[in-house]
Amino acid sequence: MPMTTPIFVLGEALMDCIAQPDGQLRPFMGGSPFNMARAAALRGADVAYLNPLSNDLFGQGMAQLLQRDGVQLPGGTSRLPTSLAVVQVTNGQPSYGFYRESIADRDYTVDGIVALLHQQKTPGILHTGSLLLIPPEHHKVVAILKAAREMGWTISVDINLRPKVAHDLTAYVQALHEVITLTDWLKASDEDLESMGFANVGIGESARLVHELRAGVAPDALSRVALTFGGDGAYLDIEGRTHSLPVPRITVTDTVGAGDTFWGNTLAEWALQPDGAAGRVASTLDLSMKAAAINCTRQGCQPPTRAEVLAF
């Protein structure tokens, strides 16, 4: 039986405090890498979440949920509070206010994370993305990615760009390009690409968009690229072998965590079957889109198990 590859996740875990009609705030556990770690573990992969979690009540709840879903927590705890996002929904469109200064998931050091990677006997997949890529935090992430690559780790990134959070969007996009040059496996949404300045973003333009993403990076970078286009479907390129699919027909409850579930299942499939990924490009995309669709039938981010995906 072939050995599986571990997935280590570096990223934020936060509470989405969603404003209710009566003015109260209802908290939901979230954060793109946090959701992705859960999705990959529920699919059956060996997953570890590296950032410290707060020892406050929110952090304790997050730790319990990650452990229930099978995620290991080598990053320990922090006395700093859990990060918060206050979400106001108006006419169906959410607006966010983030509280991310002096918080637990940023209470880590480059040396500390690199030491955790060194403890792994064989290199695995190191995933990051989202809020940790916003300057100046990205400097720490870049240093970690460079060290991980030198150790032989495969780098996964979900851009998940948050333009309203950054003080300087131009600097943010420059930071993303710097991270992309260090990335092996990349996921980007149509919204990510539009915010980064790509023109004519649509699923029919996927091949061109992947070509533009790969322009200027090392020949061995971006060997696998997934592009998602909301209700229009998704596209997957593995070393030049490509496939695209429309979204499955479902009744949508909400789309929270859909992209995280998609990429978590994609990474898990590659981690569980490290060899021959290019030959499975169609089936990988199919299963990952089914997982995301199942998540969209549920309120909030509730990724499915492997059995639920296969039974869909």
Protein backbone atom coordinates (compact mmCIF):
# COMPACT_ATOMS: atom_id res chain seq x y z
CA MET A 1 0.00 0.00 0.00
CA PRO A 2 1.55 3.37 -1.02
CA MET A 3 2.44 5.81 1.72
CA THR A 4 0.21 8.85 2.12
CA THR A 5 1.58 12.38 2.36
CA PRO A 6 0.84 14.57 5.41
CA ILE A 7 -0.72 18.01 4.98
CA PHE A 8 0.44 20.81 7.28
CA VAL A 9 -1.70 23.98 7.33
CA LEU A 10 -0.45 27.50 8.10
CA GLY A 11 -3.19 30.11 8.32
CA GLU A 12 -5.89 31.89 10.25
CA ALA A 13 -8.65 30.60 12.48
CA LEU A 14 -11.23 33.23 13.37
CA MET A 15 -14.76 33.74 14.56
CA ASP A 16 -17.21 35.13 12.02
CA CYS A 17 -19.63 37.19 14.11
CA ILE A 18 -22.65 37.61 11.86
CA ALA A 19 -25.09 40.42 12.64
CA GLN A 20 -28.65 39.18 13.12
CA PRO A 21 -31.84 41.15 12.31
CA ASP A 22 -32.29 41.95 16.02
CA GLY A 23 -28.79 43.45 16.18
CA GLN A 24 -27.16 40.56 18.04
CA LEU A 25 -23.97 38.92 16.76
CA ARG A 26 -23.98 35.16 16.15
CA PRO A 27 -20.48 33.58 16.14
CA PHE A 28 -19.40 30.91 13.64
CA MET A 29 -15.98 29.25 13.52
CA GLY A 30 -14.12 30.00 10.32
CA GLY A 31 -11.04 31.11 8.46
CA SER A 32 -10.14 29.67 5.06
CA PRO A 33 -7.13 27.52 6.16
CA PHE A 34 -9.07 26.36 9.25
CA ASN A 35 -11.94 25.21 7.01
CA MET A 36 -9.54 23.64 4.52
CA ALA A 37 -7.81 21.62 7.24
CA ARG A 38 -11.14 20.20 8.40
CA ALA A 39 -12.22 19.34 4.85
CA ALA A 40 -8.98 17.51 4.07
CA ALA A 41 -9.08 15.57 7.34
CA LEU A 42 -12.71 14.56 6.85
CA ARG A 43 -11.74 13.25 3.41
CA GLY A 44 -9.26 10.97 5.18
CA ALA A 45 -5.92 12.81 4.90
CA ASP A 46 -3.32 13.14 7.68
CA VAL A 47 -3.64 16.85 8.56
CA ALA A 48 -1.95 19.14 11.11
CA TYR A 49 -2.85 22.78 11.85
CA LEU A 50 0.32 24.71 12.72
CA ASN A 51 -0.81 28.06 14.11
CA PRO A 52 -1.45 28.41 17.84
CA LEU A 53 -5.07 28.62 18.94
CA SER A 54 -6.16 30.97 21.70
CA ASN A 55 -6.82 29.54 25.15
CA ASP A 56 -10.00 31.67 25.28
CA LEU A 57 -13.42 30.04 24.89
CA PHE A 58 -13.46 30.56 21.12
CA GLY A 59 -10.03 29.00 20.72
CA GLN A 60 -10.95 26.05 22.91
CA GLY A 61 -14.03 25.42 20.77
CA MET A 62 -11.95 25.58 17.59
CA ALA A 63 -9.44 23.10 19.00
CA GLN A 64 -12.25 20.70 19.89
CA LEU A 65 -13.78 20.95 16.40
CA LEU A 66 -10.44 20.40 14.63
CA GLN A 67 -9.62 17.42 16.81
CA ARG A 68 -13.11 15.96 16.33
CA ASP A 69 -12.58 16.11 12.57
CA GLY A 70 -9.16 14.43 12.88
CA VAL A 71 -6.79 17.42 12.64
CA GLN A 72 -3.63 17.37 14.79
CA LEU A 73 -2.61 20.54 16.67
CA PRO A 74 1.18 20.74 17.06
CA GLY A 75 1.12 24.56 17.22
CA GLY A 76 -0.12 24.64 20.81
CA THR A 77 -2.03 27.50 22.42
CA SER A 78 -1.62 31.24 22.87
CA ARG A 79 -2.70 33.63 25.61
CA LEU A 80 -3.68 36.14 22.92
CA PRO A 81 -7.36 36.32 21.90
CA THR A 82 -9.04 34.70 18.90
CA SER A 83 -9.30 36.83 15.77
CA LEU A 84 -12.78 38.21 14.99
CA ALA A 85 -14.61 39.18 11.82
CA VAL A 86 -17.86 41.11 12.19
CA VAL A 87 -20.11 40.41 9.22
CA GLN A 88 -23.00 42.67 8.21
CA VAL A 89 -25.24 41.36 5.42
CA THR A 90 -27.16 43.99 3.44
CA ASN A 91 -29.37 42.97 0.50
CA GLY A 92 -27.58 39.63 0.46
CA GLN A 93 -24.10 41.15 0.21
CA PRO A 94 -21.75 40.71 3.19
CA SER A 95 -19.38 43.41 4.42
CA TYR A 96 -16.60 42.60 6.87
CA GLY A 97 -14.78 44.26 9.72
CA PHE A 98 -11.67 42.36 10.82
CA TYR A 99 -10.00 42.49 14.23
CA ARG A 100 -6.59 40.90 13.70
CA GLU A 101 -4.05 42.79 15.77
CA SER A 102 -2.31 40.96 18.64
CA ILE A 103 -4.29 37.76 18.09
CA ALA A 104 -3.52 34.07 18.57
CA ASP A 105 -3.12 32.84 14.99
CA ARG A 106 -0.38 35.45 14.36
CA ASP A 107 1.43 34.46 17.57
CA TYR A 108 4.04 32.31 15.82
CA THR A 109 7.64 32.68 14.68
CA VAL A 110 9.38 31.60 11.50
CA ASP A 111 11.85 29.50 13.48
CA GLY A 112 9.06 27.86 15.44
CA ILE A 113 7.13 26.76 12.34
CA VAL A 114 10.29 25.62 10.55
CA ALA A 115 11.18 23.54 13.63
CA LEU A 116 7.78 21.81 13.43
CA LEU A 117 8.42 21.00 9.76
CA HIS A 118 11.86 19.62 10.61
CA GLN A 119 10.26 17.20 13.08
CA GLN A 120 8.45 15.48 10.21
CA LYS A 121 10.48 12.47 9.04
CA THR A 122 9.60 12.97 5.39
CA PRO A 123 8.53 16.21 3.66
CA GLY A 124 4.81 16.65 3.08
CA ILE A 125 2.44 19.29 1.72
CA LEU A 126 2.55 22.73 3.35
CA HIS A 127 -0.60 24.75 2.69
CA THR A 128 -1.19 28.44 3.35
CA GLY A 129 -3.12 31.40 1.98
CA SER A 130 -5.78 34.00 2.72
CA LEU A 131 -5.17 36.59 5.46
CA LEU A 132 -1.58 35.52 6.24
CA LEU A 133 -0.56 36.72 2.77
CA ILE A 134 -1.43 40.35 3.54
CA PRO A 135 1.62 42.60 4.07
CA PRO A 136 3.54 42.77 6.32
CA GLU A 137 2.55 39.28 7.61
CA HIS A 138 3.52 37.76 4.26
CA HIS A 139 7.22 38.33 5.03
CA LYS A 140 7.05 35.62 7.71
CA VAL A 141 5.13 33.32 5.39
CA VAL A 142 7.62 33.80 2.53
CA ALA A 143 10.52 32.96 4.86
CA ILE A 144 8.73 29.79 5.97
CA LEU A 145 7.91 28.76 2.39
CA LYS A 146 11.53 29.25 1.29
CA ALA A 147 12.77 27.10 4.18
CA ALA A 148 10.12 24.45 3.47
CA ARG A 149 11.04 24.25 -0.21
CA GLU A 150 14.69 23.74 0.72
CA MET A 151 13.59 20.82 2.90
CA GLY A 152 11.63 19.28 0.01
CA TRP A 153 8.09 20.23 1.03
CA THR A 154 5.41 20.74 -1.63
CA ILE A 155 3.83 24.21 -1.31
CA SER A 156 0.06 24.65 -1.67
CA VAL A 157 -1.57 28.09 -1.73
CA ASP A 158 -5.20 29.20 -1.89
CA ILE A 159 -4.99 32.91 -2.71
CA ASN A 160 -8.41 33.80 -1.23
CA LEU A 161 -7.64 37.50 -1.68
CA ARG A 162 -9.38 39.91 0.72
CA PRO A 163 -9.05 43.36 -0.91
CA LYS A 164 -11.16 45.17 1.72
CA VAL A 165 -8.84 44.05 4.53
CA ALA A 166 -5.57 45.36 3.09
CA HIS A 167 -4.53 48.98 3.54
CA ASP A 168 -2.61 48.90 0.24
CA LEU A 169 -4.03 46.64 -2.48
CA THR A 170 -1.05 47.18 -4.79
CA ALA A 171 1.37 45.97 -2.11
CA TYR A 172 -0.99 43.06 -1.36
CA VAL A 173 -1.00 41.94 -5.01
CA GLN A 174 2.80 42.25 -5.17
CA ALA A 175 3.02 40.03 -2.08
CA LEU A 176 0.78 37.45 -3.75
CA HIS A 177 3.01 37.35 -6.84
CA GLU A 178 6.02 36.80 -4.57
CA VAL A 179 4.23 33.89 -2.86
CA ILE A 180 3.13 32.42 -6.22
CA THR A 181 6.76 32.10 -7.33
CA LEU A 182 7.28 29.72 -4.37
CA THR A 183 4.10 27.72 -4.98
CA ASP A 184 3.74 24.23 -6.45
CA TRP A 185 -0.05 23.81 -6.25
CA LEU A 186 -2.28 26.89 -6.57
CA LYS A 187 -5.99 27.55 -6.19
CA ALA A 188 -7.52 30.85 -7.28
CA SER A 189 -11.11 32.00 -7.73
CA ASP A 190 -12.42 34.29 -10.44
CA GLU A 191 -12.73 37.03 -7.81
CA ASP A 192 -9.07 36.53 -6.82
CA LEU A 193 -7.92 36.89 -10.42
CA GLU A 194 -10.05 39.97 -11.07
CA SER A 195 -8.71 41.66 -7.92
CA MET A 196 -5.17 40.85 -9.06
CA GLY A 197 -5.80 42.64 -12.36
CA PHE A 198 -6.31 39.72 -14.76
CA ALA A 199 -8.53 40.59 -17.74
CA ASN A 200 -11.46 38.64 -19.23
CA VAL A 201 -11.80 36.26 -16.30
CA GLY A 202 -14.14 33.40 -17.16
CA ILE A 203 -14.08 29.62 -17.26
CA GLY A 204 -13.69 29.69 -21.05
CA GLU A 205 -10.44 31.62 -20.55
CA SER A 206 -8.97 29.14 -18.06
CA ALA A 207 -6.10 27.89 -20.22
CA ARG A 208 -4.95 31.46 -20.92
CA LEU A 209 -5.27 32.45 -17.26
CA VAL A 210 -3.15 29.49 -16.16
CA HIS A 211 -0.57 30.37 -18.80
CA GLU A 212 -0.44 33.95 -17.50
CA LEU A 213 -0.10 32.75 -13.90
CA ARG A 214 2.82 30.53 -14.90
CA ALA A 215 4.57 33.30 -16.84
CA GLY A 216 7.66 34.45 -15.03
CA VAL A 217 7.77 31.64 -12.45
CA ALA A 218 10.34 28.86 -12.32
CA PRO A 219 9.70 25.91 -14.67
CA ASP A 220 9.05 23.60 -11.71
CA ALA A 221 6.54 25.97 -10.05
CA LEU A 222 2.74 25.87 -10.43
CA SER A 223 2.66 22.28 -11.65
CA ARG A 224 -0.99 22.06 -10.53
CA VAL A 225 -3.49 24.92 -10.79
CA ALA A 226 -7.19 24.95 -9.94
CA LEU A 227 -9.44 27.85 -10.94
CA THR A 228 -12.96 28.19 -9.57
CA PHE A 229 -15.71 30.29 -11.13
CA GLY A 230 -18.59 30.17 -8.65
CA GLY A 231 -21.76 28.91 -10.30
CA ASP A 232 -20.00 28.54 -13.66
CA GLY A 233 -17.84 25.61 -12.57
CA ALA A 234 -14.15 24.90 -12.10
CA TYR A 235 -11.01 24.04 -14.08
CA LEU A 236 -8.03 21.89 -13.09
CA ASP A 237 -4.61 21.72 -14.74
CA ILE A 238 -2.14 19.05 -13.59
CA GLU A 239 1.15 19.31 -15.48
CA GLY A 240 -0.68 20.30 -18.65
CA ARG A 241 -3.47 17.71 -18.35
CA THR A 242 -6.69 19.71 -18.00
CA HIS A 243 -10.38 19.25 -17.27
CA SER A 244 -13.32 21.53 -16.51
CA LEU A 245 -16.79 20.81 -15.12
CA PRO A 246 -20.01 22.69 -14.38
CA VAL A 247 -21.26 22.76 -10.80
CA PRO A 248 -23.50 19.85 -9.73
CA ARG A 249 -27.22 20.58 -9.48
CA ILE A 250 -28.13 21.20 -5.86
CA THR A 251 -30.35 23.37 -3.68
CA VAL A 252 -27.96 25.93 -2.22
CA THR A 253 -28.28 26.85 1.45
CA ASP A 254 -25.19 29.07 1.40
CA THR A 255 -21.72 29.02 -0.13
CA VAL A 256 -19.67 29.52 3.05
CA GLY A 257 -16.53 27.40 2.87
CA ALA A 258 -17.26 25.99 -0.60
CA GLY A 259 -13.85 26.89 -1.99
CA ASP A 260 -12.11 25.64 1.15
CA THR A 261 -13.97 22.33 0.91
CA PHE A 262 -13.09 22.05 -2.79
CA TRP A 263 -9.37 22.58 -2.20
CA GLY A 264 -9.27 20.51 0.99
CA ASN A 265 -10.68 17.54 -0.90
CA THR A 266 -8.31 18.13 -3.82
CA LEU A 267 -5.24 18.17 -1.55
CA ALA A 268 -6.51 15.13 0.35
CA GLU A 269 -6.94 13.17 -2.88
CA TRP A 270 -3.36 13.98 -3.89
CA ALA A 271 -2.04 13.26 -0.39
CA LEU A 272 -3.80 9.88 -0.21
CA GLN A 273 -2.71 8.90 -3.74
CA PRO A 274 0.59 10.70 -4.37
CA ASP A 275 1.35 8.99 -7.69
CA GLY A 276 -0.38 9.37 -11.05
CA ALA A 277 -2.30 12.57 -10.31
CA ALA A 278 -2.24 13.77 -13.92
CA GLY A 279 -4.06 10.65 -15.04
CA ARG A 280 -6.84 11.34 -12.52
CA VAL A 281 -7.43 15.00 -13.34
CA ALA A 282 -11.08 14.44 -14.33
CA SER A 283 -12.01 12.26 -11.35
CA THR A 284 -10.19 14.52 -8.90
CA LEU A 285 -12.09 17.57 -10.13
CA ASP A 286 -15.38 15.66 -10.10
CA LEU A 287 -15.02 14.50 -6.50
CA SER A 288 -13.83 17.88 -5.25
CA MET A 289 -16.76 19.66 -6.87
CA LYS A 290 -19.17 17.13 -5.36
CA ALA A 291 -17.67 17.78 -1.93
CA ALA A 292 -18.10 21.54 -2.37
CA ALA A 293 -21.67 21.02 -3.57
CA ILE A 294 -22.53 18.96 -0.48
CA ASN A 295 -21.11 21.72 1.71
CA CYS A 296 -23.32 24.26 -0.07
CA THR A 297 -26.44 22.31 0.93
CA ARG A 298 -25.58 22.96 4.60
CA GLN A 299 -25.50 26.12 6.68
CA GLY A 300 -21.99 27.42 7.23
CA CYS A 301 -18.86 25.42 6.50
CA GLN A 302 -19.69 21.75 7.10
CA PRO A 303 -17.42 19.70 4.82
CA PRO A 304 -18.50 16.15 4.00
CA THR A 305 -16.73 12.90 4.81
CA ARG A 306 -15.18 10.72 2.12
CA ALA A 307 -18.14 8.33 2.33
CA GLU A 308 -20.60 11.20 1.75
CA VAL A 309 -18.66 12.40 -1.30
CA LEU A 310 -18.52 8.93 -2.84
CA ALA A 311 -22.25 8.43 -2.19
CA PHE A 312 -23.28 11.78 -3.71
